[in-house]
Amino acid sequence: WADRAPWQAILAVQVAVVASYAPAFWYEGYKMDDAVAIQRNPNVVGAEVTLTELMRRDFWGLPMHGSGWTNKSFRPLTTLSFRLNYLLHGLESSGFFIANILLHCVASVVVGWSGTSWIGLPGAPAAAAALLFGVHPVHTENVLYLVGRADVLTAIFGGAALAAYAALFCPPLQIAACDAEGSPAPKARAWGAAWLLPPVALVVASGLCKESGFTFLALFLLMELLDFISLHTASARAGQRIPPRQWRRLRLRICLLLVSTVMVFVLRYRHTGGTSLNMSPQDNPISFETSRMVRALSYAYLHGVYMGLLCWPRFLCYDYSMDAIAAVRTPLDVRLLLPLAAYVGFFGAVAAALCWPPRYQRAALLALALLLVTFFPASNILFPVGTVIGERLLYVPSAGFCLAVAVWLHR
């Protein structure tokens, strides 16, 4: 019945999601950063909040420009959600926890919706992905640590953006109808370039909840690339060329996506003046190591820890600062077997997906890309992150993990 009524199945599994967090409906109090982002944030508890104040203060309520401390975390939509909570029930903290749980359920529904509309899963595996995402233990911090709402909202808007872009321009190959290896590429819808605005606007909203949301723009480009390869392959097998009109539309969309991506990052940089981490050795001691080799080996180990949290979250911790995870100082450290297993497992999954029939191949590659692309800002590859390990940073990447598991189980 789930394949016949996917929405009903996806909604039905939310009973288990709510049940897993039911005790939190009565939680009270503000922990650590919650007090700063909510209790002491003038954009949340102020008598009056103006657009000017919302735009000039960071996520913690501090002015982004001036001589004071700020890390330039510009997340106005998340702050507005806290403001809405405050207007409804004041600083009664249980209301914030209830809102986080309900938003987590919405994110779980969006993951299931993305499974059907973005990668073409039937109802049953899409509902399984939504269930796995909803009850995965690694999301505990995002739901019960109130500032983790930023990642939850990012996943909601980002997942909706992927589903919208797929519906408008890159309809998925329906896995339920999979038959031969040479299945034709899906026929792209003939929507004009102006219809790029809704999915791009959803990505911008995602990025205004948390900065990692902007990475969803890269997934639009990947969808176009995969569909172009499928279209080119199908046309070559038929001895035909890609229709000129379709080719022009594809080039226009890609150009507009690239322009939109550049504009988004330039505008954000101009508004915030860049991002300043202002870390201390207590926050991320690995980033203060003088040896490049020690930093590289330690960051690689952290990748293994993150993959372990996705695959087997037997131990959870809300704070990995200071020496919670010791640096890796030699290539002979046995702990490096963990990232080795993670890298081999991930690239093995990509290699296996490339050998599958086209419908499964596209679905698996997109799910794995969601995992990799959205994790990249937290990987310490381009820049150091303000924490050694942050389980909350796995919230959006775990959606790709859950969808990949669902594709594999259905395969």
Foldseek 3Di string as FASTA:
>chain_A
DLLVPLLVLLLVLVVVLCVLCVVLLPDFDADDLRCQQAVVACLQQPPDHDPVQLLQAASRNHGLDDDDDDQLHQQSVLSVVSNVLCVVPNRGPSSLLVVLSVLLSLLLSLLLLCLCQQQAEGRPLSSQLSNCLSNQVLCPCLRNNSLLVLLSLLSNLLSVLSSQLCVQFNGADHPVPDDDLLDAQDDTHPDALVSNVPSLVSLLNSCSSGVLSVLSLVLSVVSLVLSVVRNCVNQVVVVHDDPPVVVVRSVVNVVVSVVSSVVSVVVSCVSSVDGHLPADCQFPVLVVDPDPVQNVLQLLLLLLVLVCSLPPVPDDDQACGDVVDPTDDDPPPPSNVSSVCVVCVLVVQLVVLVPDRSSLNSQLVSLSCQLPSSCVVCSCPVHHDRHSDHSSSNSRSSSSVSSNVSSVVVD
